Amino acid sequence: MSMPAPLQLTALKATSPKKATFLVLAVSVVALLVLVGVIYGHGRAAEVPAWVAWLPALNALLNGTSAVFLVLAYRAIRRRDVVTHSRRVLTSLGASALFLVSYIVYHSVHGDTPFGGQGLVRPLYFFILVTHVVLSAVVLPLIFMSLFFSLSGRFPRHRKIARYTFPIWLYVSVTGVLVFVLLRTFG
């Protein structure tokens, strides 16, 4: 019995890794600049619709979903089940993309939520928040490059970069949930 081939895109096979790296870095920088502009480029809306209050919980759910599917994808690839691995990574990517849209909507309408915790929890919260934010900027191009190498059939390179992408992406997803829990508890 032969294993089915993982998803590959012919157009990406013809793209050089150097060109892909340039495009990934350019798209990542533009995406991060747009994100910063949307979040911090204006003040809080005068009237915040009631449905916006549900977005932080949705964001935590999407981050948690991404984390679960990343772990399931890792388990699948350890069993050499490439097709299941691919599906689970794409599900995680979808959850992360939906999170990003919801996050932008929330912060563009609501603004930031101040952290009210005091004592030892305060430096812990800010450590988690700062590492979460910094690593989310770092992981974006890593995710794109991992995806490019996989979809273009360059699996040795995919494995090389995925060794770094996976733990950082997992950390960002899990700490996204932790930030939500800490803000709900101490916000």
N, C-alpha and C. Protein backbone atom coordinates (compact mmCIF):
# COMPACT_ATOMS: atom_id res chain seq x y z
N MET A 1 0.85 -1.18 0.00
CA MET A 1 0.00 0.00 0.00
C MET A 1 0.90 1.24 0.00
N SER A 2 0.69 2.14 -0.95
CA SER A 2 1.52 3.36 -1.02
C SER A 2 0.85 4.50 -0.28
N MET A 3 1.68 5.39 0.23
CA MET A 3 1.18 6.55 0.95
C MET A 3 0.78 7.63 -0.06
N PRO A 4 -0.36 8.29 0.17
CA PRO A 4 -0.72 9.40 -0.72
C PRO A 4 0.28 10.54 -0.58
N ALA A 5 0.50 11.24 -1.67
CA ALA A 5 1.45 12.37 -1.66
C ALA A 5 0.82 13.55 -0.94
N PRO A 6 1.64 14.31 -0.23
CA PRO A 6 1.11 15.51 0.43
C PRO A 6 0.75 16.58 -0.61
N LEU A 7 -0.06 17.50 -0.19
CA LEU A 7 -0.49 18.59 -1.05
C LEU A 7 0.72 19.40 -1.53
N GLN A 8 0.79 19.60 -2.85
CA GLN A 8 1.85 20.41 -3.44
C GLN A 8 1.25 21.27 -4.54
N LEU A 9 1.80 22.44 -4.73
CA LEU A 9 1.33 23.36 -5.77
C LEU A 9 2.40 23.51 -6.83
N THR A 10 2.06 23.21 -8.06
CA THR A 10 3.01 23.25 -9.16
C THR A 10 3.64 24.63 -9.32
N ALA A 11 2.84 25.68 -9.17
CA ALA A 11 3.36 27.04 -9.34
C ALA A 11 4.48 27.34 -8.34
N LEU A 12 4.38 26.79 -7.14
CA LEU A 12 5.41 27.04 -6.14
C LEU A 12 6.69 26.26 -6.41
N LYS A 13 6.58 25.15 -7.09
CA LYS A 13 7.77 24.36 -7.42
C LYS A 13 8.72 25.15 -8.31
N ALA A 14 8.15 26.02 -9.15
CA ALA A 14 8.96 26.81 -10.08
C ALA A 14 9.53 28.07 -9.43
N THR A 15 9.08 28.39 -8.23
CA THR A 15 9.54 29.60 -7.55
C THR A 15 10.82 29.29 -6.77
N SER A 16 11.81 30.13 -6.93
CA SER A 16 13.08 29.90 -6.23
C SER A 16 12.92 30.23 -4.75
N PRO A 17 13.63 29.52 -3.89
CA PRO A 17 13.58 29.82 -2.46
C PRO A 17 14.00 31.26 -2.15
N LYS A 18 14.95 31.79 -2.92
CA LYS A 18 15.40 33.17 -2.70
C LYS A 18 14.26 34.16 -2.95
N LYS A 19 13.54 33.97 -4.05
CA LYS A 19 12.40 34.82 -4.38
C LYS A 19 11.29 34.66 -3.34
N ALA A 20 11.04 33.42 -2.94
CA ALA A 20 10.00 33.16 -1.93
C ALA A 20 10.36 33.83 -0.61
N THR A 21 11.62 33.76 -0.22
CA THR A 21 12.06 34.38 1.03
C THR A 21 11.83 35.89 0.98
N PHE A 22 12.20 36.51 -0.14
CA PHE A 22 11.99 37.95 -0.29
C PHE A 22 10.50 38.29 -0.18
N LEU A 23 9.66 37.54 -0.89
CA LEU A 23 8.21 37.79 -0.85
C LEU A 23 7.63 37.57 0.54
N VAL A 24 8.06 36.50 1.19
CA VAL A 24 7.56 36.21 2.54
C VAL A 24 7.95 37.32 3.51
N LEU A 25 9.19 37.76 3.45
CA LEU A 25 9.63 38.84 4.35
C LEU A 25 8.89 40.14 4.04
N ALA A 26 8.70 40.44 2.76
CA ALA A 26 7.98 41.66 2.39
C ALA A 26 6.53 41.61 2.86
N VAL A 27 5.86 40.51 2.62
CA VAL A 27 4.46 40.36 3.05
C VAL A 27 4.37 40.40 4.58
N SER A 28 5.32 39.77 5.26
CA SER A 28 5.30 39.77 6.73
C SER A 28 5.48 41.18 7.29
N VAL A 29 6.41 41.94 6.73
CA VAL A 29 6.64 43.31 7.21
C VAL A 29 5.40 44.17 6.95
N VAL A 30 4.83 44.06 5.75
CA VAL A 30 3.63 44.84 5.43
C VAL A 30 2.48 44.45 6.37
N ALA A 31 2.30 43.15 6.58
CA ALA A 31 1.22 42.68 7.46
C ALA A 31 1.41 43.21 8.88
N LEU A 32 2.63 43.19 9.38
CA LEU A 32 2.89 43.68 10.74
C LEU A 32 2.68 45.20 10.82
N LEU A 33 3.09 45.93 9.79
CA LEU A 33 2.87 47.39 9.78
C LEU A 33 1.38 47.72 9.73
N VAL A 34 0.63 46.99 8.91
CA VAL A 34 -0.82 47.19 8.85
C VAL A 34 -1.44 46.88 10.20
N LEU A 35 -1.02 45.79 10.81
CA LEU A 35 -1.54 45.40 12.12
C LEU A 35 -1.27 46.48 13.16
N VAL A 36 -0.06 46.96 13.22
CA VAL A 36 0.29 48.03 14.18
C VAL A 36 -0.52 49.29 13.88
N GLY A 37 -0.65 49.64 12.60
CA GLY A 37 -1.42 50.82 12.22
C GLY A 37 -2.89 50.71 12.60
N VAL A 38 -3.48 49.55 12.37
CA VAL A 38 -4.89 49.36 12.70
C VAL A 38 -5.10 49.40 14.21
N ILE A 39 -4.21 48.76 14.93
CA ILE A 39 -4.39 48.66 16.39
C ILE A 39 -4.07 49.98 17.10
N TYR A 40 -2.97 50.61 16.71
CA TYR A 40 -2.51 51.78 17.46
C TYR A 40 -2.69 53.10 16.71
N GLY A 41 -3.25 53.06 15.52
CA GLY A 41 -3.37 54.27 14.71
C GLY A 41 -4.55 55.15 15.03
N HIS A 42 -5.35 54.76 16.00
CA HIS A 42 -6.51 55.57 16.36
C HIS A 42 -6.92 55.25 17.79
N GLY A 43 -7.84 56.03 18.30
CA GLY A 43 -8.33 55.80 19.66
C GLY A 43 -9.46 54.81 19.68
N ARG A 44 -10.02 54.65 20.82
CA ARG A 44 -11.14 53.74 21.02
C ARG A 44 -12.40 54.32 20.39
N ALA A 45 -13.26 53.46 19.82
CA ALA A 45 -14.51 53.92 19.23
C ALA A 45 -15.43 54.46 20.32
N ALA A 46 -16.21 55.49 19.98
CA ALA A 46 -17.13 56.10 20.95
C ALA A 46 -18.18 55.10 21.40
N GLU A 47 -18.77 54.41 20.47
CA GLU A 47 -19.78 53.39 20.76
C GLU A 47 -19.23 52.03 20.34
N VAL A 48 -19.01 51.16 21.30
CA VAL A 48 -18.52 49.82 20.99
C VAL A 48 -19.72 48.88 20.95
N PRO A 49 -19.99 48.26 19.79
CA PRO A 49 -21.13 47.34 19.71
C PRO A 49 -21.00 46.20 20.72
N ALA A 50 -22.12 45.71 21.21
CA ALA A 50 -22.13 44.68 22.25
C ALA A 50 -21.43 43.39 21.79
N TRP A 51 -21.54 43.04 20.52
CA TRP A 51 -20.95 41.78 20.04
C TRP A 51 -19.42 41.78 20.13
N VAL A 52 -18.83 42.97 20.19
CA VAL A 52 -17.37 43.07 20.26
C VAL A 52 -16.84 42.46 21.56
N ALA A 53 -17.66 42.49 22.61
CA ALA A 53 -17.24 41.94 23.90
C ALA A 53 -16.96 40.43 23.83
N TRP A 54 -17.52 39.74 22.84
CA TRP A 54 -17.32 38.31 22.70
C TRP A 54 -16.04 37.96 21.95
N LEU A 55 -15.44 38.93 21.29
CA LEU A 55 -14.27 38.63 20.46
C LEU A 55 -13.05 38.13 21.24
N PRO A 56 -12.73 38.66 22.43
CA PRO A 56 -11.58 38.09 23.15
C PRO A 56 -11.74 36.60 23.45
N ALA A 57 -12.95 36.17 23.82
CA ALA A 57 -13.18 34.74 24.07
C ALA A 57 -13.04 33.94 22.78
N LEU A 58 -13.56 34.50 21.67
CA LEU A 58 -13.40 33.85 20.38
C LEU A 58 -11.92 33.75 20.02
N ASN A 59 -11.17 34.82 20.27
CA ASN A 59 -9.73 34.81 19.99
C ASN A 59 -9.02 33.72 20.78
N ALA A 60 -9.37 33.58 22.05
CA ALA A 60 -8.76 32.54 22.88
C ALA A 60 -9.13 31.15 22.35
N LEU A 61 -10.38 30.99 21.94
CA LEU A 61 -10.82 29.71 21.38
C LEU A 61 -10.04 29.39 20.10
N LEU A 62 -9.87 30.38 19.24
CA LEU A 62 -9.13 30.17 17.99
C LEU A 62 -7.65 29.88 18.26
N ASN A 63 -7.05 30.58 19.23
CA ASN A 63 -5.66 30.29 19.61
C ASN A 63 -5.55 28.87 20.17
N GLY A 64 -6.49 28.50 21.01
CA GLY A 64 -6.48 27.15 21.58
C GLY A 64 -6.66 26.09 20.50
N THR A 65 -7.55 26.36 19.55
CA THR A 65 -7.76 25.44 18.43
C THR A 65 -6.49 25.29 17.62
N SER A 66 -5.82 26.40 17.36
CA SER A 66 -4.56 26.35 16.63
C SER A 66 -3.54 25.50 17.37
N ALA A 67 -3.43 25.69 18.67
CA ALA A 67 -2.47 24.92 19.47
C ALA A 67 -2.78 23.43 19.43
N VAL A 68 -4.05 23.07 19.59
CA VAL A 68 -4.44 21.66 19.59
C VAL A 68 -4.10 21.02 18.24
N PHE A 69 -4.43 21.71 17.14
CA PHE A 69 -4.16 21.13 15.83
C PHE A 69 -2.66 21.10 15.50
N LEU A 70 -1.89 22.02 16.07
CA LEU A 70 -0.43 21.94 15.90
C LEU A 70 0.11 20.68 16.57
N VAL A 71 -0.35 20.40 17.78
CA VAL A 71 0.10 19.20 18.49
C VAL A 71 -0.35 17.95 17.75
N LEU A 72 -1.60 17.95 17.26
CA LEU A 72 -2.10 16.80 16.50
C LEU A 72 -1.31 16.62 15.19
N ALA A 73 -0.94 17.73 14.56
CA ALA A 73 -0.14 17.66 13.33
C ALA A 73 1.24 17.09 13.63
N TYR A 74 1.81 17.50 14.74
CA TYR A 74 3.12 16.99 15.15
C TYR A 74 3.04 15.47 15.38
N ARG A 75 2.00 15.05 16.08
CA ARG A 75 1.83 13.62 16.34
C ARG A 75 1.66 12.85 15.03
N ALA A 76 0.92 13.42 14.09
CA ALA A 76 0.71 12.74 12.81
C ALA A 76 2.01 12.59 12.04
N ILE A 77 2.84 13.62 12.04
CA ILE A 77 4.10 13.52 11.28
C ILE A 77 5.07 12.57 11.97
N ARG A 78 4.99 12.47 13.28
CA ARG A 78 5.84 11.50 13.99
C ARG A 78 5.46 10.07 13.60
N ARG A 79 4.17 9.87 13.24
CA ARG A 79 3.70 8.56 12.76
C ARG A 79 3.93 8.42 11.26
N ARG A 80 4.50 9.45 10.63
CA ARG A 80 4.75 9.50 9.18
C ARG A 80 3.45 9.53 8.37
N ASP A 81 2.39 10.05 8.98
CA ASP A 81 1.11 10.24 8.29
C ASP A 81 1.09 11.66 7.74
N VAL A 82 1.69 11.83 6.58
CA VAL A 82 1.92 13.14 5.98
C VAL A 82 0.61 13.83 5.61
N VAL A 83 -0.34 13.08 5.10
CA VAL A 83 -1.62 13.68 4.67
C VAL A 83 -2.37 14.23 5.88
N THR A 84 -2.47 13.47 6.95
CA THR A 84 -3.14 13.95 8.16
C THR A 84 -2.38 15.14 8.73
N HIS A 85 -1.06 15.06 8.73
CA HIS A 85 -0.22 16.18 9.19
C HIS A 85 -0.57 17.45 8.40
N SER A 86 -0.62 17.35 7.09
CA SER A 86 -0.92 18.50 6.24
C SER A 86 -2.29 19.09 6.57
N ARG A 87 -3.27 18.24 6.70
CA ARG A 87 -4.64 18.71 7.00
C ARG A 87 -4.68 19.42 8.35
N ARG A 88 -4.00 18.87 9.31
CA ARG A 88 -4.02 19.47 10.65
C ARG A 88 -3.26 20.79 10.70
N VAL A 89 -2.16 20.87 9.98
CA VAL A 89 -1.43 22.14 9.91
C VAL A 89 -2.29 23.20 9.22
N LEU A 90 -2.95 22.82 8.14
CA LEU A 90 -3.82 23.78 7.45
C LEU A 90 -5.00 24.21 8.33
N THR A 91 -5.51 23.30 9.15
CA THR A 91 -6.58 23.66 10.10
C THR A 91 -6.04 24.64 11.13
N SER A 92 -4.84 24.39 11.63
CA SER A 92 -4.21 25.31 12.58
C SER A 92 -3.98 26.67 11.94
N LEU A 93 -3.52 26.66 10.69
CA LEU A 93 -3.31 27.91 9.97
C LEU A 93 -4.62 28.67 9.78
N GLY A 94 -5.69 27.95 9.46
CA GLY A 94 -7.00 28.58 9.32
C GLY A 94 -7.47 29.21 10.62
N ALA A 95 -7.29 28.49 11.73
CA ALA A 95 -7.67 29.04 13.04
C ALA A 95 -6.85 30.28 13.36
N SER A 96 -5.56 30.24 13.05
CA SER A 96 -4.70 31.41 13.30
C SER A 96 -5.09 32.60 12.42
N ALA A 97 -5.45 32.33 11.18
CA ALA A 97 -5.88 33.41 10.28
C ALA A 97 -7.18 34.03 10.76
N LEU A 98 -8.14 33.20 11.17
CA LEU A 98 -9.41 33.72 11.72
C LEU A 98 -9.15 34.52 13.00
N PHE A 99 -8.22 34.02 13.83
CA PHE A 99 -7.85 34.76 15.03
C PHE A 99 -7.35 36.16 14.66
N LEU A 100 -6.47 36.23 13.67
CA LEU A 100 -5.89 37.51 13.28
C LEU A 100 -6.96 38.50 12.83
N VAL A 101 -7.92 38.03 12.06
CA VAL A 101 -9.02 38.89 11.61
C VAL A 101 -9.83 39.37 12.81
N SER A 102 -10.19 38.45 13.69
CA SER A 102 -10.97 38.81 14.87
C SER A 102 -10.20 39.76 15.79
N TYR A 103 -8.90 39.51 15.95
CA TYR A 103 -8.04 40.36 16.77
C TYR A 103 -7.99 41.78 16.23
N ILE A 104 -7.85 41.91 14.93
CA ILE A 104 -7.80 43.24 14.30
C ILE A 104 -9.13 43.96 14.48
N VAL A 105 -10.22 43.25 14.27
CA VAL A 105 -11.55 43.86 14.45
C VAL A 105 -11.71 44.33 15.88
N TYR A 106 -11.38 43.47 16.84
CA TYR A 106 -11.54 43.83 18.25
C TYR A 106 -10.72 45.07 18.60
N HIS A 107 -9.45 45.06 18.26
CA HIS A 107 -8.58 46.16 18.66
C HIS A 107 -8.84 47.44 17.87
N SER A 108 -9.35 47.31 16.66
CA SER A 108 -9.67 48.53 15.91
C SER A 108 -10.93 49.19 16.44
N VAL A 109 -11.83 48.43 17.04
CA VAL A 109 -13.07 48.98 17.59
C VAL A 109 -12.95 49.27 19.08
N HIS A 110 -12.39 48.34 19.82
CA HIS A 110 -12.35 48.42 21.28
C HIS A 110 -11.09 49.07 21.83
N GLY A 111 -9.96 48.82 21.20
CA GLY A 111 -8.68 49.29 21.74
C GLY A 111 -8.11 48.26 22.69
N ASP A 112 -7.07 48.65 23.39
CA ASP A 112 -6.40 47.75 24.33
C ASP A 112 -7.20 47.62 25.62
N THR A 113 -6.99 46.49 26.30
CA THR A 113 -7.58 46.26 27.62
C THR A 113 -6.46 46.37 28.64
N PRO A 114 -6.59 47.31 29.58
CA PRO A 114 -5.52 47.44 30.59
C PRO A 114 -5.49 46.25 31.54
N PHE A 115 -4.29 45.90 31.99
CA PHE A 115 -4.13 44.81 32.95
C PHE A 115 -4.18 45.38 34.35
N GLY A 116 -5.08 44.87 35.18
CA GLY A 116 -5.26 45.41 36.52
C GLY A 116 -4.59 44.63 37.63
N GLY A 117 -3.96 43.51 37.30
CA GLY A 117 -3.34 42.68 38.32
C GLY A 117 -2.16 43.37 38.98
N GLN A 118 -1.97 43.07 40.25
CA GLN A 118 -0.87 43.64 41.03
C GLN A 118 -0.06 42.51 41.66
N GLY A 119 1.11 42.85 42.14
CA GLY A 119 1.95 41.86 42.81
C GLY A 119 2.73 41.04 41.81
N LEU A 120 2.98 39.76 42.15
CA LEU A 120 3.81 38.89 41.33
C LEU A 120 3.19 38.58 39.97
N VAL A 121 1.85 38.65 39.89
CA VAL A 121 1.20 38.31 38.63
C VAL A 121 1.47 39.37 37.55
N ARG A 122 1.74 40.60 37.97
CA ARG A 122 1.95 41.68 37.01
C ARG A 122 3.20 41.47 36.14
N PRO A 123 4.39 41.24 36.73
CA PRO A 123 5.54 40.98 35.86
C PRO A 123 5.39 39.67 35.07
N LEU A 124 4.72 38.67 35.65
CA LEU A 124 4.48 37.42 34.93
C LEU A 124 3.62 37.70 33.69
N TYR A 125 2.54 38.47 33.86
CA TYR A 125 1.66 38.82 32.74
C TYR A 125 2.44 39.55 31.64
N PHE A 126 3.22 40.56 32.03
CA PHE A 126 3.93 41.34 31.02
C PHE A 126 5.04 40.53 30.34
N PHE A 127 5.65 39.60 31.08
CA PHE A 127 6.63 38.71 30.44
C PHE A 127 5.94 37.86 29.38
N ILE A 128 4.80 37.27 29.74
CA ILE A 128 4.05 36.44 28.78
C ILE A 128 3.59 37.29 27.60
N LEU A 129 3.06 38.48 27.87
CA LEU A 129 2.57 39.35 26.81
C LEU A 129 3.69 39.77 25.85
N VAL A 130 4.80 40.23 26.40
CA VAL A 130 5.90 40.71 25.55
C VAL A 130 6.47 39.57 24.71
N THR A 131 6.71 38.42 25.31
CA THR A 131 7.24 37.29 24.54
C THR A 131 6.23 36.83 23.50
N HIS A 132 4.96 36.87 23.84
CA HIS A 132 3.89 36.50 22.90
C HIS A 132 3.91 37.43 21.69
N VAL A 133 3.97 38.72 21.93
CA VAL A 133 3.93 39.71 20.84
C VAL A 133 5.19 39.60 19.97
N VAL A 134 6.35 39.55 20.60
CA VAL A 134 7.61 39.49 19.85
C VAL A 134 7.67 38.20 19.01
N LEU A 135 7.34 37.08 19.64
CA LEU A 135 7.42 35.81 18.91
C LEU A 135 6.33 35.68 17.85
N SER A 136 5.19 36.36 18.03
CA SER A 136 4.17 36.32 16.98
C SER A 136 4.68 37.03 15.72
N ALA A 137 5.48 38.07 15.90
CA ALA A 137 6.08 38.75 14.74
C ALA A 137 7.15 37.87 14.11
N VAL A 138 7.90 37.14 14.92
CA VAL A 138 8.95 36.26 14.42
C VAL A 138 8.36 35.05 13.68
N VAL A 139 7.28 34.50 14.20
CA VAL A 139 6.75 33.25 13.64
C VAL A 139 6.02 33.45 12.32
N LEU A 140 5.53 34.64 12.06
CA LEU A 140 4.78 34.85 10.82
C LEU A 140 5.59 34.47 9.58
N PRO A 141 6.79 35.01 9.38
CA PRO A 141 7.54 34.57 8.19
C PRO A 141 7.98 33.11 8.27
N LEU A 142 8.20 32.59 9.47
CA LEU A 142 8.55 31.17 9.59
C LEU A 142 7.41 30.28 9.13
N ILE A 143 6.18 30.64 9.49
CA ILE A 143 5.01 29.88 9.04
C ILE A 143 4.91 29.91 7.52
N PHE A 144 5.06 31.12 6.96
CA PHE A 144 4.98 31.24 5.49
C PHE A 144 6.07 30.44 4.79
N MET A 145 7.29 30.48 5.32
CA MET A 145 8.39 29.74 4.69
C MET A 145 8.19 28.23 4.85
N SER A 146 7.74 27.79 6.00
CA SER A 146 7.45 26.37 6.19
C SER A 146 6.39 25.91 5.20
N LEU A 147 5.36 26.71 5.05
CA LEU A 147 4.29 26.39 4.11
C LEU A 147 4.82 26.37 2.68
N PHE A 148 5.63 27.37 2.32
CA PHE A 148 6.20 27.41 0.97
C PHE A 148 7.02 26.15 0.69
N PHE A 149 7.92 25.79 1.59
CA PHE A 149 8.78 24.63 1.35
C PHE A 149 7.96 23.34 1.26
N SER A 150 6.91 23.24 2.06
CA SER A 150 6.07 22.05 1.99
C SER A 150 5.28 22.00 0.69
N LEU A 151 4.60 23.11 0.38
CA LEU A 151 3.74 23.13 -0.82
C LEU A 151 4.54 23.08 -2.12
N SER A 152 5.83 23.41 -2.06
CA SER A 152 6.66 23.34 -3.27
C SER A 152 7.42 22.01 -3.34
N GLY A 153 7.17 21.12 -2.38
CA GLY A 153 7.79 19.79 -2.41
C GLY A 153 9.23 19.76 -1.95
N ARG A 154 9.68 20.81 -1.29
CA ARG A 154 11.06 20.85 -0.77
C ARG A 154 11.06 20.41 0.70
N PHE A 155 10.82 19.13 0.89
CA PHE A 155 10.57 18.61 2.23
C PHE A 155 11.78 18.65 3.17
N PRO A 156 13.00 18.41 2.69
CA PRO A 156 14.14 18.56 3.63
C PRO A 156 14.22 19.99 4.20
N ARG A 157 14.00 20.99 3.35
CA ARG A 157 14.03 22.38 3.84
C ARG A 157 12.84 22.65 4.74
N HIS A 158 11.69 22.08 4.39
CA HIS A 158 10.50 22.24 5.23
C HIS A 158 10.78 21.70 6.64
N ARG A 159 11.34 20.50 6.71
CA ARG A 159 11.64 19.91 8.03
C ARG A 159 12.60 20.78 8.82
N LYS A 160 13.60 21.33 8.14
CA LYS A 160 14.59 22.16 8.81
C LYS A 160 13.96 23.38 9.47
N ILE A 161 13.11 24.08 8.73
CA ILE A 161 12.52 25.31 9.27
C ILE A 161 11.36 25.00 10.22
N ALA A 162 10.66 23.88 9.98
CA ALA A 162 9.53 23.52 10.84
C ALA A 162 9.99 23.19 12.26
N ARG A 163 11.24 22.78 12.41
CA ARG A 163 11.78 22.51 13.76
C ARG A 163 11.75 23.76 14.63
N TYR A 164 11.85 24.92 13.99
CA TYR A 164 11.78 26.19 14.72
C TYR A 164 10.37 26.76 14.71
N THR A 165 9.68 26.59 13.60
CA THR A 165 8.33 27.14 13.46
C THR A 165 7.38 26.53 14.48
N PHE A 166 7.39 25.20 14.57
CA PHE A 166 6.44 24.50 15.44
C PHE A 166 6.48 24.98 16.89
N PRO A 167 7.62 24.96 17.58
CA PRO A 167 7.58 25.37 18.99
C PRO A 167 7.23 26.85 19.19
N ILE A 168 7.67 27.69 18.26
CA ILE A 168 7.35 29.13 18.40
C ILE A 168 5.87 29.36 18.17
N TRP A 169 5.32 28.74 17.12
CA TRP A 169 3.89 28.88 16.81
C TRP A 169 3.05 28.33 17.96
N LEU A 170 3.45 27.20 18.50
CA LEU A 170 2.73 26.60 19.63
C LEU A 170 2.78 27.53 20.84
N TYR A 171 3.96 28.09 21.13
CA TYR A 171 4.10 29.02 22.25
C TYR A 171 3.19 30.24 22.07
N VAL A 172 3.18 30.79 20.87
CA VAL A 172 2.36 31.97 20.60
C VAL A 172 0.88 31.63 20.77
N SER A 173 0.46 30.48 20.30
CA SER A 173 -0.95 30.08 20.43
C SER A 173 -1.34 29.86 21.89
N VAL A 174 -0.50 29.16 22.64
CA VAL A 174 -0.81 28.88 24.05
C VAL A 174 -0.76 30.16 24.89
N THR A 175 0.24 31.00 24.66
CA THR A 175 0.32 32.24 25.44
C THR A 175 -0.80 33.21 25.08
N GLY A 176 -1.33 33.11 23.86
CA GLY A 176 -2.50 33.91 23.51
C GLY A 176 -3.68 33.57 24.42
N VAL A 177 -3.85 32.30 24.69
CA VAL A 177 -4.91 31.86 25.61
C VAL A 177 -4.60 32.34 27.03
N LEU A 178 -3.33 32.22 27.44
CA LEU A 178 -2.94 32.67 28.78
C LEU A 178 -3.17 34.17 28.98
N VAL A 179 -2.86 34.96 27.96
CA VAL A 179 -3.09 36.41 28.05
C VAL A 179 -4.58 36.67 28.26
N PHE A 180 -5.43 35.98 27.52
CA PHE A 180 -6.89 36.13 27.69
C PHE A 180 -7.31 35.77 29.11
N VAL A 181 -6.84 34.62 29.60
CA VAL A 181 -7.22 34.17 30.95
C VAL A 181 -6.76 35.17 32.01
N LEU A 182 -5.53 35.65 31.88
CA LEU A 182 -5.01 36.62 32.86
C LEU A 182 -5.76 37.95 32.78
N LEU A 183 -6.11 38.39 31.59
CA LEU A 183 -6.88 39.64 31.47
C LEU A 183 -8.28 39.46 32.04
N ARG A 184 -8.91 38.31 31.81
CA ARG A 184 -10.23 38.07 32.37
C ARG A 184 -10.19 37.96 33.88
N THR A 185 -9.13 37.38 34.40
CA THR A 185 -9.01 37.19 35.84
C THR A 185 -8.64 38.49 36.56
N PHE A 186 -7.72 39.26 35.96
CA PHE A 186 -7.19 40.44 36.64
C PHE A 186 -7.50 41.74 35.92
N GLY A 187 -8.22 41.69 34.81
CA GLY A 187 -8.49 42.89 34.01
C GLY A 187 -9.49 43.78 34.65
